C-alpha atoms as a PDB file:
ATOM      1  CA  UNK A   1      -8.852  -1.401   7.689  1.00  0.00           C
ATOM      2  CA  UNK A   2      -8.114  -0.205  11.205  1.00  0.00           C
ATOM      3  CA  UNK A   3      -7.626  -3.821  12.318  1.00  0.00           C
ATOM      4  CA  UNK A   4      -4.642  -4.035   9.982  1.00  0.00           C
ATOM      5  CA  UNK A   5      -2.821  -1.441  12.093  1.00  0.00           C
ATOM      6  CA  UNK A   6      -3.740  -3.299  15.278  1.00  0.00           C
ATOM      7  CA  UNK A   7      -2.618  -6.730  14.068  1.00  0.00           C
ATOM      8  CA  UNK A   8       0.340  -6.032  11.759  1.00  0.00           C
ATOM      9  CA  UNK A   9       3.580  -4.249  12.548  1.00  0.00           C
ATOM     10  CA  UNK A  10       4.598  -1.375  10.233  1.00  0.00           C
ATOM     11  CA  UNK A  11       7.673  -3.244   8.962  1.00  0.00           C
ATOM     12  CA  UNK A  12       5.617  -6.332   8.153  1.00  0.00           C
ATOM     13  CA  UNK A  13       3.220  -4.970   5.505  1.00  0.00           C
ATOM     14  CA  UNK A  14       2.642  -2.289   2.881  1.00  0.00           C
ATOM     15  CA  UNK A  15      -0.690  -1.313   1.352  1.00  0.00           C
ATOM     16  CA  UNK A  16      -0.788  -1.031  -2.417  1.00  0.00           C
ATOM     17  CA  UNK A  17      -3.025  -0.459  -5.461  1.00  0.00           C
ATOM     18  CA  UNK A  18      -6.384   1.296  -4.919  1.00  0.00           C
ATOM     19  CA  UNK A  19      -6.194   0.708  -1.169  1.00  0.00           C
ATOM     20  CA  UNK A  20      -3.010   2.769  -0.855  1.00  0.00           C
ATOM     21  CA  UNK A  21      -3.861   5.358  -3.498  1.00  0.00           C
ATOM     22  CA  UNK A  22      -7.245   6.085  -1.928  1.00  0.00           C
ATOM     23  CA  UNK A  23      -5.507   7.186   1.260  1.00  0.00           C
ATOM     24  CA  UNK A  24      -4.304  10.145  -0.839  1.00  0.00           C
ATOM     25  CA  UNK A  25      -6.914  10.546  -3.561  1.00  0.00           C
ATOM     26  CA  UNK A  26     -10.253   8.844  -2.752  1.00  0.00           C
ATOM     27  CA  UNK A  27     -10.561   8.492  -6.541  1.00  0.00           C
ATOM     28  CA  UNK A  28     -11.820   4.917  -6.961  1.00  0.00           C
ATOM     29  CA  UNK A  29     -14.562   3.586  -4.725  1.00  0.00           C
ATOM     30  CA  UNK A  30     -13.759   0.021  -3.722  1.00  0.00           C
ATOM     31  CA  UNK A  31     -14.090  -2.325  -0.786  1.00  0.00           C
ATOM     32  CA  UNK A  32     -11.019  -4.306  -1.872  1.00  0.00           C
ATOM     33  CA  UNK A  33      -7.889  -4.302   0.303  1.00  0.00           C
ATOM     34  CA  UNK A  34      -4.507  -5.072  -1.264  1.00  0.00           C
ATOM     35  CA  UNK A  35      -1.382  -5.443   0.809  1.00  0.00           C
ATOM     36  CA  UNK A  36       2.080  -6.947   0.633  1.00  0.00           C
ATOM     37  CA  UNK A  37       3.280  -9.020   3.549  1.00  0.00           C
ATOM     38  CA  UNK A  38       6.817  -9.729   4.662  1.00  0.00           C
ATOM     39  CA  UNK A  39       6.666 -12.989   6.583  1.00  0.00           C
ATOM     40  CA  UNK A  40       9.504 -15.260   7.686  1.00  0.00           C
ATOM     41  CA  UNK A  41       7.396 -18.413   7.508  1.00  0.00           C
ATOM     42  CA  UNK A  42       4.734 -17.724   4.887  1.00  0.00           C
ATOM     43  CA  UNK A  43       2.805 -20.994   5.286  1.00  0.00           C
ATOM     44  CA  UNK A  44       2.786 -20.889   9.083  1.00  0.00           C
ATOM     45  CA  UNK A  45       2.312 -17.158   9.621  1.00  0.00           C
ATOM     46  CA  UNK A  46      -0.471 -16.680   7.081  1.00  0.00           C
ATOM     47  CA  UNK A  47      -2.848 -18.965   8.983  1.00  0.00           C
ATOM     48  CA  UNK A  48      -2.274 -17.122  12.263  1.00  0.00           C
ATOM     49  CA  UNK A  49      -2.722 -13.793  10.527  1.00  0.00           C
ATOM     50  CA  UNK A  50      -5.949 -14.935   8.910  1.00  0.00           C
ATOM     51  CA  UNK A  51      -7.282 -15.878  12.326  1.00  0.00           C
ATOM     52  CA  UNK A  52      -6.216 -12.613  13.990  1.00  0.00           C
ATOM     53  CA  UNK A  53      -7.876 -10.569  11.232  1.00  0.00           C
ATOM     54  CA  UNK A  54     -10.909 -12.884  11.307  1.00  0.00           C
ATOM     55  CA  UNK A  55     -10.691 -13.564   7.565  1.00  0.00           C
ATOM     56  CA  UNK A  56     -12.544 -16.435   5.964  1.00  0.00           C
ATOM     57  CA  UNK A  57     -10.779 -18.524   3.350  1.00  0.00           C
ATOM     58  CA  UNK A  58     -12.700 -18.369   0.080  1.00  0.00           C
ATOM     59  CA  UNK A  59     -12.268 -20.328  -3.105  1.00  0.00           C
ATOM     60  CA  UNK A  60     -12.761 -17.144  -5.170  1.00  0.00           C
ATOM     61  CA  UNK A  61     -14.041 -13.558  -5.120  1.00  0.00           C
ATOM     62  CA  UNK A  62     -12.634 -12.338  -1.814  1.00  0.00           C
ATOM     63  CA  UNK A  63     -12.028  -8.676  -1.070  1.00  0.00           C
ATOM     64  CA  UNK A  64      -8.898  -8.974   1.091  1.00  0.00           C
ATOM     65  CA  UNK A  65      -5.836  -9.679  -1.068  1.00  0.00           C
ATOM     66  CA  UNK A  66      -2.584 -10.659   0.613  1.00  0.00           C
ATOM     67  CA  UNK A  67       0.292 -10.469  -1.835  1.00  0.00           C
ATOM     68  CA  UNK A  68       3.576 -12.296  -1.430  1.00  0.00           C
ATOM     69  CA  UNK A  69       6.279 -10.112  -3.026  1.00  0.00           C
ATOM     70  CA  UNK A  70       8.078 -11.726  -5.944  1.00  0.00           C
ATOM     71  CA  UNK A  71      11.298 -10.016  -4.837  1.00  0.00           C
ATOM     72  CA  UNK A  72      11.695 -10.251  -1.089  1.00  0.00           C
ATOM     73  CA  UNK A  73      12.333  -6.574  -0.259  1.00  0.00           C
ATOM     74  CA  UNK A  74      11.833  -4.392  -3.348  1.00  0.00           C
ATOM     75  CA  UNK A  75       8.194  -3.423  -2.685  1.00  0.00           C
ATOM     76  CA  UNK A  76       9.194  -2.247   0.791  1.00  0.00           C
ATOM     77  CA  UNK A  77      11.907   0.137  -0.515  1.00  0.00           C
ATOM     78  CA  UNK A  78      11.036   3.759   0.385  1.00  0.00           C
ATOM     79  CA  UNK A  79       7.867   2.604   2.106  1.00  0.00           C
ATOM     80  CA  UNK A  80       5.930   5.502   3.618  1.00  0.00           C
ATOM     81  CA  UNK A  81       3.431   6.049   6.399  1.00  0.00           C
ATOM     82  CA  UNK A  82       0.128   7.651   5.398  1.00  0.00           C
ATOM     83  CA  UNK A  83      -2.722   8.135   7.872  1.00  0.00           C
ATOM     84  CA  UNK A  84      -1.040   5.625  10.162  1.00  0.00           C
ATOM     85  CA  UNK A  85      -0.762   2.897   7.500  1.00  0.00           C
ATOM     86  CA  UNK A  86       2.381   1.514   5.882  1.00  0.00           C
ATOM     87  CA  UNK A  87       2.175   2.181   2.123  1.00  0.00           C
ATOM     88  CA  UNK A  88       4.456   1.341  -0.808  1.00  0.00           C
ATOM     89  CA  UNK A  89       6.472   4.218  -2.291  1.00  0.00           C
ATOM     90  CA  UNK A  90       4.755   6.607  -4.686  1.00  0.00           C
ATOM     91  CA  UNK A  91       6.799   5.228  -7.605  1.00  0.00           C
ATOM     92  CA  UNK A  92       5.871   1.622  -6.753  1.00  0.00           C
ATOM     93  CA  UNK A  93       2.235   2.638  -6.347  1.00  0.00           C
ATOM     94  CA  UNK A  94       2.108   4.423  -9.710  1.00  0.00           C
ATOM     95  CA  UNK A  95       3.711   1.501 -11.567  1.00  0.00           C
ATOM     96  CA  UNK A  96       1.382  -1.050 -10.008  1.00  0.00           C
ATOM     97  CA  UNK A  97      -1.768   0.997 -10.595  1.00  0.00           C
ATOM     98  CA  UNK A  98      -0.818   1.682 -14.203  1.00  0.00           C
ATOM     99  CA  UNK A  99      -0.956  -2.026 -15.067  1.00  0.00           C
ATOM    100  CA  UNK A 100      -3.893  -2.963 -12.845  1.00  0.00           C
ATOM    101  CA  UNK A 101      -7.508  -3.578 -13.810  1.00  0.00           C
ATOM    102  CA  UNK A 102     -10.129  -2.383 -13.109  1.00  0.00           C
ATOM    103  CA  UNK A 103      -9.519   1.380 -13.331  1.00  0.00           C
ATOM    104  CA  UNK A 104      -5.863   1.148 -12.371  1.00  0.00           C
ATOM    105  CA  UNK A 105      -4.485   3.158 -15.271  1.00  0.00           C
ATOM    106  CA  UNK A 106      -7.096   5.858 -14.731  1.00  0.00           C
ATOM    107  CA  UNK A 107      -6.225   6.017 -11.040  1.00  0.00           C
ATOM    108  CA  UNK A 108      -2.478   6.097 -11.826  1.00  0.00           C
ATOM    109  CA  UNK A 109      -2.958   9.013 -14.217  1.00  0.00           C
ATOM    110  CA  UNK A 110      -5.030  10.908 -11.646  1.00  0.00           C
ATOM    111  CA  UNK A 111      -2.399  10.162  -8.989  1.00  0.00           C
ATOM    112  CA  UNK A 112       0.351  11.495 -11.273  1.00  0.00           C
ATOM    113  CA  UNK A 113      -1.657  14.618 -12.083  1.00  0.00           C
ATOM    114  CA  UNK A 114      -2.195  15.256  -8.376  1.00  0.00           C
ATOM    115  CA  UNK A 115       1.501  14.697  -7.713  1.00  0.00           C
ATOM    116  CA  UNK A 116       2.533  17.097 -10.492  1.00  0.00           C
ATOM    117  CA  UNK A 117       0.137  19.794  -9.253  1.00  0.00           C
ATOM    118  CA  UNK A 118       1.464  19.525  -5.720  1.00  0.00           C
ATOM    119  CA  UNK A 119       5.062  19.497  -6.966  1.00  0.00           C
ATOM    120  CA  UNK A 120       4.479  22.764  -8.813  1.00  0.00           C
ATOM    121  CA  UNK A 121       3.093  24.240  -5.594  1.00  0.00           C
ATOM    122  CA  UNK A 122       5.980  22.658  -3.676  1.00  0.00           C
ATOM    123  CA  UNK A 123       3.483  20.782  -1.472  1.00  0.00           C
ATOM    124  CA  UNK A 124       4.142  17.068  -0.867  1.00  0.00           C
ATOM    125  CA  UNK A 125       1.327  14.537  -1.158  1.00  0.00           C
ATOM    126  CA  UNK A 126       1.942  13.836   2.513  1.00  0.00           C
ATOM    127  CA  UNK A 127       4.518  14.826   5.094  1.00  0.00           C
ATOM    128  CA  UNK A 128       7.140  12.056   5.307  1.00  0.00           C
ATOM    129  CA  UNK A 129       8.447  11.211   8.751  1.00  0.00           C
ATOM    130  CA  UNK A 130      12.070  12.209   9.146  1.00  0.00           C
ATOM    131  CA  UNK A 131      14.458   9.343   9.760  1.00  0.00           C
ATOM    132  CA  UNK A 132      17.640  10.239  11.683  1.00  0.00           C
ATOM    133  CA  UNK A 133      20.669  10.022   9.417  1.00  0.00           C
ATOM    134  CA  UNK A 134      18.563   9.762   6.247  1.00  0.00           C
ATOM    135  CA  UNK A 135      16.960  12.455   4.187  1.00  0.00           C
ATOM    136  CA  UNK A 136      13.278  12.022   3.462  1.00  0.00           C
ATOM    137  CA  UNK A 137      12.229  12.377  -0.161  1.00  0.00           C
ATOM    138  CA  UNK A 138       8.794  12.435  -1.705  1.00  0.00           C
ATOM    139  CA  UNK A 139       8.262  11.165  -5.248  1.00  0.00           C
END
């Protein structure tokens, strides 16, 4: 996972699903990596990225999942930085986990429980980085 930070710029990707949630919860053990990419030239850039990350193209059953967003920018709205990684917003993460198999709904419910407990204690899941001219909010 550390190679992702070395190869990709923060504005170019966002981790999602169990990969992102485990940065906060460590609830589901998995070796799968799921991330959204924002690329100008998908066909051209994806090959170069695959080479930089030293990924092998497989016909099926890989563990590194690069997702092209259906809507160009929506998954990057309120993106956050957790442990040095770019991660989708908490709302986006919850919604995606809830409808994901395997164990997505279970992970989403645990994530929500953790969020609610920390909200009651007035402790955020993580400390958002302040952006000048914009208030930081934690869902």
